[in-house]
Amino acid sequence: MLGRSVRIAFVAIGAGFLAVSVFLAVRLGPAAAASGGPVGGAAIAIVVSAGFGLFFLVSGIKGTVE
């Protein structure tokens, strides 16, 4: 069981990771696709950031880290 302040911190960290993934999707996705550059690298960064965000967000809401 996580304490209240740790849960709040986890939710904040999760929200930050999700915000970064949205930023990456908006900024890097179309730019990489238009330039013919490495779209895969941008996609991997977006998915990893969103995954960490969801992990921290759900862990903070549930109050457990599994």
PDB file of N, CA and C in Angstrom:
ATOM      1  N   MET A   1       0.842  -1.177   0.000  1.00  0.00           N
ATOM      2  CA  MET A   1       0.000   0.000   0.000  1.00  0.00           C
ATOM      3  C   MET A   1       0.890   1.245   0.000  1.00  0.00           C
ATOM      4  N   LEU A   2       0.581   2.148  -0.877  1.00  0.00           N
ATOM      5  CA  LEU A   2       1.338   3.394  -0.961  1.00  0.00           C
ATOM      6  C   LEU A   2       0.678   4.460  -0.100  1.00  0.00           C
ATOM      7  N   GLY A   3       1.502   5.338   0.458  1.00  0.00           N
ATOM      8  CA  GLY A   3       0.974   6.450   1.230  1.00  0.00           C
ATOM      9  C   GLY A   3       0.312   7.480   0.318  1.00  0.00           C
ATOM     10  N   ARG A   4      -0.433   8.389   0.925  1.00  0.00           N
ATOM     11  CA  ARG A   4      -1.177   9.381   0.154  1.00  0.00           C
ATOM     12  C   ARG A   4      -0.252  10.268  -0.684  1.00  0.00           C
ATOM     13  N   SER A   5       0.846  10.724  -0.105  1.00  0.00           N
ATOM     14  CA  SER A   5       1.734  11.618  -0.849  1.00  0.00           C
ATOM     15  C   SER A   5       2.431  10.880  -1.992  1.00  0.00           C
ATOM     16  N   VAL A   6       2.750   9.607  -1.784  1.00  0.00           N
ATOM     17  CA  VAL A   6       3.364   8.827  -2.855  1.00  0.00           C
ATOM     18  C   VAL A   6       2.365   8.599  -3.977  1.00  0.00           C
ATOM     19  N   ARG A   7       1.109   8.351  -3.630  1.00  0.00           N
ATOM     20  CA  ARG A   7       0.076   8.168  -4.649  1.00  0.00           C
ATOM     21  C   ARG A   7      -0.103   9.434  -5.474  1.00  0.00           C
ATOM     22  N   ILE A   8      -0.112  10.579  -4.802  1.00  0.00           N
ATOM     23  CA  ILE A   8      -0.247  11.855  -5.518  1.00  0.00           C
ATOM     24  C   ILE A   8       0.949  12.069  -6.440  1.00  0.00           C
ATOM     25  N   ALA A   9       2.142  11.736  -5.946  1.00  0.00           N
ATOM     26  CA  ALA A   9       3.344  11.877  -6.772  1.00  0.00           C
ATOM     27  C   ALA A   9       3.284  10.949  -7.984  1.00  0.00           C
ATOM     28  N   PHE A  10       2.830   9.706  -7.795  1.00  0.00           N
ATOM     29  CA  PHE A  10       2.720   8.771  -8.903  1.00  0.00           C
ATOM     30  C   PHE A  10       1.727   9.268  -9.945  1.00  0.00           C
ATOM     31  N   VAL A  11       0.605   9.807  -9.511  1.00  0.00           N
ATOM     32  CA  VAL A  11      -0.376  10.335 -10.465  1.00  0.00           C
ATOM     33  C   VAL A  11       0.214  11.515 -11.230  1.00  0.00           C
ATOM     34  N   ALA A  12       0.952  12.372 -10.529  1.00  0.00           N
ATOM     35  CA  ALA A  12       1.579  13.524 -11.194  1.00  0.00           C
ATOM     36  C   ALA A  12       2.641  13.075 -12.191  1.00  0.00           C
ATOM     37  N   ILE A  13       3.441  12.088 -11.813  1.00  0.00           N
ATOM     38  CA  ILE A  13       4.463  11.567 -12.728  1.00  0.00           C
ATOM     39  C   ILE A  13       3.799  10.940 -13.945  1.00  0.00           C
ATOM     40  N   GLY A  14       2.744  10.162 -13.720  1.00  0.00           N
ATOM     41  CA  GLY A  14       2.024   9.537 -14.829  1.00  0.00           C
ATOM     42  C   GLY A  14       1.433  10.556 -15.774  1.00  0.00           C
ATOM     43  N   ALA A  15       0.845  11.604 -15.213  1.00  0.00           N
ATOM     44  CA  ALA A  15       0.281  12.661 -16.058  1.00  0.00           C
ATOM     45  C   ALA A  15       1.382  13.359 -16.853  1.00  0.00           C
ATOM     46  N   GLY A  16       2.545  13.528 -16.242  1.00  0.00           N
ATOM     47  CA  GLY A  16       3.663  14.150 -16.952  1.00  0.00           C
ATOM     48  C   GLY A  16       4.143  13.299 -18.113  1.00  0.00           C
ATOM     49  N   PHE A  17       4.263  11.987 -17.884  1.00  0.00           N
ATOM     50  CA  PHE A  17       4.666  11.091 -18.971  1.00  0.00           C
ATOM     51  C   PHE A  17       3.637  11.099 -20.104  1.00  0.00           C
ATOM     52  N   LEU A  18       2.354  11.121 -19.751  1.00  0.00           N
ATOM     53  CA  LEU A  18       1.324  11.157 -20.789  1.00  0.00           C
ATOM     54  C   LEU A  18       1.380  12.471 -21.563  1.00  0.00           C
ATOM     55  N   ALA A  19       1.657  13.570 -20.858  1.00  0.00           N
ATOM     56  CA  ALA A  19       1.796  14.855 -21.542  1.00  0.00           C
ATOM     57  C   ALA A  19       2.984  14.837 -22.499  1.00  0.00           C
ATOM     58  N   VAL A  20       4.082  14.218 -22.093  1.00  0.00           N
ATOM     59  CA  VAL A  20       5.251  14.106 -22.968  1.00  0.00           C
ATOM     60  C   VAL A  20       4.918  13.267 -24.191  1.00  0.00           C
ATOM     61  N   SER A  21       4.169  12.177 -24.000  1.00  0.00           N
ATOM     62  CA  SER A  21       3.827  11.334 -25.145  1.00  0.00           C
ATOM     63  C   SER A  21       2.921  12.076 -26.124  1.00  0.00           C
ATOM     64  N   VAL A  22       2.003  12.894 -25.619  1.00  0.00           N
ATOM     65  CA  VAL A  22       1.155  13.698 -26.510  1.00  0.00           C
ATOM     66  C   VAL A  22       2.011  14.728 -27.244  1.00  0.00           C
ATOM     67  N   PHE A  23       2.937  15.366 -26.528  1.00  0.00           N
ATOM     68  CA  PHE A  23       3.833  16.331 -27.163  1.00  0.00           C
ATOM     69  C   PHE A  23       4.654  15.665 -28.270  1.00  0.00           C
ATOM     70  N   LEU A  24       5.200  14.489 -27.970  1.00  0.00           N
ATOM     71  CA  LEU A  24       5.981  13.781 -28.978  1.00  0.00           C
ATOM     72  C   LEU A  24       5.130  13.395 -30.181  1.00  0.00           C
ATOM     73  N   ALA A  25       3.910  12.973 -29.928  1.00  0.00           N
ATOM     74  CA  ALA A  25       3.030  12.583 -31.025  1.00  0.00           C
ATOM     75  C   ALA A  25       2.698  13.776 -31.916  1.00  0.00           C
ATOM     76  N   VAL A  26       2.487  14.928 -31.293  1.00  0.00           N
ATOM     77  CA  VAL A  26       2.111  16.114 -32.066  1.00  0.00           C
ATOM     78  C   VAL A  26       3.314  16.694 -32.810  1.00  0.00           C
ATOM     79  N   ARG A  27       4.474  16.737 -32.152  1.00  0.00           N
ATOM     80  CA  ARG A  27       5.647  17.378 -32.745  1.00  0.00           C
ATOM     81  C   ARG A  27       6.474  16.453 -33.634  1.00  0.00           C
ATOM     82  N   LEU A  28       6.766  15.247 -33.142  1.00  0.00           N
ATOM     83  CA  LEU A  28       7.697  14.383 -33.866  1.00  0.00           C
ATOM     84  C   LEU A  28       7.023  13.521 -34.921  1.00  0.00           C
ATOM     85  N   GLY A  29       5.804  13.104 -34.665  1.00  0.00           N
ATOM     86  CA  GLY A  29       5.136  12.200 -35.594  1.00  0.00           C
ATOM     87  C   GLY A  29       5.006  12.760 -36.999  1.00  0.00           C
ATOM     88  N   PRO A  30       4.307  13.876 -37.185  1.00  0.00           N
ATOM     89  CA  PRO A  30       4.155  14.431 -38.532  1.00  0.00           C
ATOM     90  C   PRO A  30       5.474  14.914 -39.143  1.00  0.00           C
ATOM     91  N   ALA A  31       6.371  15.433 -38.320  1.00  0.00           N
ATOM     92  CA  ALA A  31       7.647  15.928 -38.842  1.00  0.00           C
ATOM     93  C   ALA A  31       8.492  14.775 -39.381  1.00  0.00           C
ATOM     94  N   ALA A  32       8.505  13.675 -38.654  1.00  0.00           N
ATOM     95  CA  ALA A  32       9.285  12.523 -39.123  1.00  0.00           C
ATOM     96  C   ALA A  32       8.656  11.913 -40.365  1.00  0.00           C
ATOM     97  N   ALA A  33       7.337  11.882 -40.413  1.00  0.00           N
ATOM     98  CA  ALA A  33       6.662  11.311 -41.573  1.00  0.00           C
ATOM     99  C   ALA A  33       6.862  12.187 -42.803  1.00  0.00           C
ATOM    100  N   ALA A  34       6.818  13.508 -42.642  1.00  0.00           N
ATOM    101  CA  ALA A  34       6.961  14.420 -43.771  1.00  0.00           C
ATOM    102  C   ALA A  34       8.388  14.426 -44.323  1.00  0.00           C
ATOM    103  N   SER A  35       9.353  14.267 -43.428  1.00  0.00           N
ATOM    104  CA  SER A  35      10.746  14.325 -43.888  1.00  0.00           C
ATOM    105  C   SER A  35      11.250  12.979 -44.397  1.00  0.00           C
ATOM    106  N   GLY A  36      10.452  11.956 -44.224  1.00  0.00           N
ATOM    107  CA  GLY A  36      10.897  10.626 -44.629  1.00  0.00           C
ATOM    108  C   GLY A  36      11.925  10.054 -43.680  1.00  0.00           C
ATOM    109  N   GLY A  37      12.003  10.638 -42.494  1.00  0.00           N
ATOM    110  CA  GLY A  37      12.981  10.195 -41.501  1.00  0.00           C
ATOM    111  C   GLY A  37      12.510   8.964 -40.743  1.00  0.00           C
ATOM    112  N   PRO A  38      13.142   8.724 -39.617  1.00  0.00           N
ATOM    113  CA  PRO A  38      12.837   7.514 -38.845  1.00  0.00           C
ATOM    114  C   PRO A  38      11.528   7.628 -38.075  1.00  0.00           C
ATOM    115  N   VAL A  39      10.448   7.256 -38.727  1.00  0.00           N
ATOM    116  CA  VAL A  39       9.145   7.296 -38.069  1.00  0.00           C
ATOM    117  C   VAL A  39       9.106   6.293 -36.929  1.00  0.00           C
ATOM    118  N   GLY A  40       9.797   5.169 -37.083  1.00  0.00           N
ATOM    119  CA  GLY A  40       9.814   4.148 -36.054  1.00  0.00           C
ATOM    120  C   GLY A  40      10.378   4.643 -34.737  1.00  0.00           C
ATOM    121  N   GLY A  41      11.419   5.469 -34.791  1.00  0.00           N
ATOM    122  CA  GLY A  41      12.011   6.005 -33.569  1.00  0.00           C
ATOM    123  C   GLY A  41      11.036   6.884 -32.808  1.00  0.00           C
ATOM    124  N   ALA A  42      10.302   7.720 -33.527  1.00  0.00           N
ATOM    125  CA  ALA A  42       9.303   8.572 -32.882  1.00  0.00           C
ATOM    126  C   ALA A  42       8.182   7.725 -32.297  1.00  0.00           C
ATOM    127  N   ALA A  43       7.768   6.701 -33.025  1.00  0.00           N
ATOM    128  CA  ALA A  43       6.684   5.849 -32.539  1.00  0.00           C
ATOM    129  C   ALA A  43       7.101   5.095 -31.285  1.00  0.00           C
ATOM    130  N   ILE A  44       8.331   4.613 -31.258  1.00  0.00           N
ATOM    131  CA  ILE A  44       8.814   3.907 -30.072  1.00  0.00           C
ATOM    132  C   ILE A  44       8.863   4.843 -28.869  1.00  0.00           C
ATOM    133  N   ALA A  45       9.338   6.061 -29.065  1.00  0.00           N
ATOM    134  CA  ALA A  45       9.398   7.024 -27.965  1.00  0.00           C
ATOM    135  C   ALA A  45       8.004   7.354 -27.440  1.00  0.00           C
ATOM    136  N   ILE A  46       7.035   7.480 -28.329  1.00  0.00           N
ATOM    137  CA  ILE A  46       5.664   7.784 -27.921  1.00  0.00           C
ATOM    138  C   ILE A  46       5.079   6.625 -27.128  1.00  0.00           C
ATOM    139  N   VAL A  47       5.258   5.410 -27.611  1.00  0.00           N
ATOM    140  CA  VAL A  47       4.683   4.242 -26.934  1.00  0.00           C
ATOM    141  C   VAL A  47       5.340   4.015 -25.576  1.00  0.00           C
ATOM    142  N   VAL A  48       6.657   4.159 -25.495  1.00  0.00           N
ATOM    143  CA  VAL A  48       7.345   3.965 -24.217  1.00  0.00           C
ATOM    144  C   VAL A  48       6.910   5.024 -23.212  1.00  0.00           C
ATOM    145  N   SER A  49       6.824   6.271 -23.634  1.00  0.00           N
ATOM    146  CA  SER A  49       6.402   7.341 -22.740  1.00  0.00           C
ATOM    147  C   SER A  49       4.966   7.133 -22.272  1.00  0.00           C
ATOM    148  N   ALA A  50       4.091   6.744 -23.180  1.00  0.00           N
ATOM    149  CA  ALA A  50       2.703   6.488 -22.795  1.00  0.00           C
ATOM    150  C   ALA A  50       2.610   5.285 -21.858  1.00  0.00           C
ATOM    151  N   GLY A  51       3.431   4.268 -22.091  1.00  0.00           N
ATOM    152  CA  GLY A  51       3.428   3.099 -21.211  1.00  0.00           C
ATOM    153  C   GLY A  51       3.844   3.439 -19.799  1.00  0.00           C
ATOM    154  N   PHE A  52       4.924   4.204 -19.669  1.00  0.00           N
ATOM    155  CA  PHE A  52       5.340   4.637 -18.337  1.00  0.00           C
ATOM    156  C   PHE A  52       4.260   5.505 -17.694  1.00  0.00           C
ATOM    157  N   GLY A  53       3.654   6.387 -18.482  1.00  0.00           N
ATOM    158  CA  GLY A  53       2.605   7.248 -17.947  1.00  0.00           C
ATOM    159  C   GLY A  53       1.431   6.463 -17.416  1.00  0.00           C
ATOM    160  N   LEU A  54       0.983   5.471 -18.180  1.00  0.00           N
ATOM    161  CA  LEU A  54      -0.139   4.654 -17.724  1.00  0.00           C
ATOM    162  C   LEU A  54       0.230   3.834 -16.495  1.00  0.00           C
ATOM    163  N   PHE A  55       1.457   3.305 -16.456  1.00  0.00           N
ATOM    164  CA  PHE A  55       1.884   2.537 -15.285  1.00  0.00           C
ATOM    165  C   PHE A  55       1.830   3.395 -14.022  1.00  0.00           C
ATOM    166  N   PHE A  56       2.445   4.579 -14.072  1.00  0.00           N
ATOM    167  CA  PHE A  56       2.470   5.437 -12.886  1.00  0.00           C
ATOM    168  C   PHE A  56       1.075   5.932 -12.531  1.00  0.00           C
ATOM    169  N   LEU A  57       0.276   6.268 -13.540  1.00  0.00           N
ATOM    170  CA  LEU A  57      -1.074   6.764 -13.276  1.00  0.00           C
ATOM    171  C   LEU A  57      -1.932   5.697 -12.614  1.00  0.00           C
ATOM    172  N   VAL A  58      -1.932   4.495 -13.159  1.00  0.00           N
ATOM    173  CA  VAL A  58      -2.743   3.413 -12.587  1.00  0.00           C
ATOM    174  C   VAL A  58      -2.218   3.008 -11.210  1.00  0.00           C
ATOM    175  N   SER A  59      -0.901   2.950 -11.053  1.00  0.00           N
ATOM    176  CA  SER A  59      -0.335   2.607  -9.747  1.00  0.00           C
ATOM    177  C   SER A  59      -0.706   3.646  -8.692  1.00  0.00           C
ATOM    178  N   GLY A  60      -0.685   4.902  -9.078  1.00  0.00           N
ATOM    179  CA  GLY A  60      -1.059   5.948  -8.137  1.00  0.00           C
ATOM    180  C   GLY A  60      -2.524   5.909  -7.775  1.00  0.00           C
ATOM    181  N   ILE A  61      -3.376   5.598  -8.736  1.00  0.00           N
ATOM    182  CA  ILE A  61      -4.811   5.548  -8.461  1.00  0.00           C
ATOM    183  C   ILE A  61      -5.154   4.318  -7.612  1.00  0.00           C
ATOM    184  N   LYS A  62      -4.564   3.159  -7.961  1.00  0.00           N
ATOM    185  CA  LYS A  62      -4.837   1.934  -7.207  1.00  0.00           C
ATOM    186  C   LYS A  62      -4.176   1.949  -5.836  1.00  0.00           C
ATOM    187  N   GLY A  63      -3.044   2.596  -5.729  1.00  0.00           N
ATOM    188  CA  GLY A  63      -2.335   2.642  -4.459  1.00  0.00           C
ATOM    189  C   GLY A  63      -1.381   1.489  -4.261  1.00  0.00           C
ATOM    190  N   THR A  64      -1.148   0.699  -5.297  1.00  0.00           N
ATOM    191  CA  THR A  64      -0.211  -0.414  -5.199  1.00  0.00           C
ATOM    192  C   THR A  64       0.695  -0.411  -6.418  1.00  0.00           C
ATOM    193  N   VAL A  65       1.861  -0.985  -6.267  1.00  0.00           N
ATOM    194  CA  VAL A  65       2.775  -1.163  -7.389  1.00  0.00           C
ATOM    195  C   VAL A  65       2.933  -2.662  -7.582  1.00  0.00           C
ATOM    196  N   GLU A  66       2.454  -3.159  -8.686  1.00  0.00           N
ATOM    197  CA  GLU A  66       2.501  -4.615  -8.941  1.00  0.00           C
ATOM    198  C   GLU A  66       3.324  -4.898 -10.168  1.00  0.00           C
TER     199      GLU A  66
END
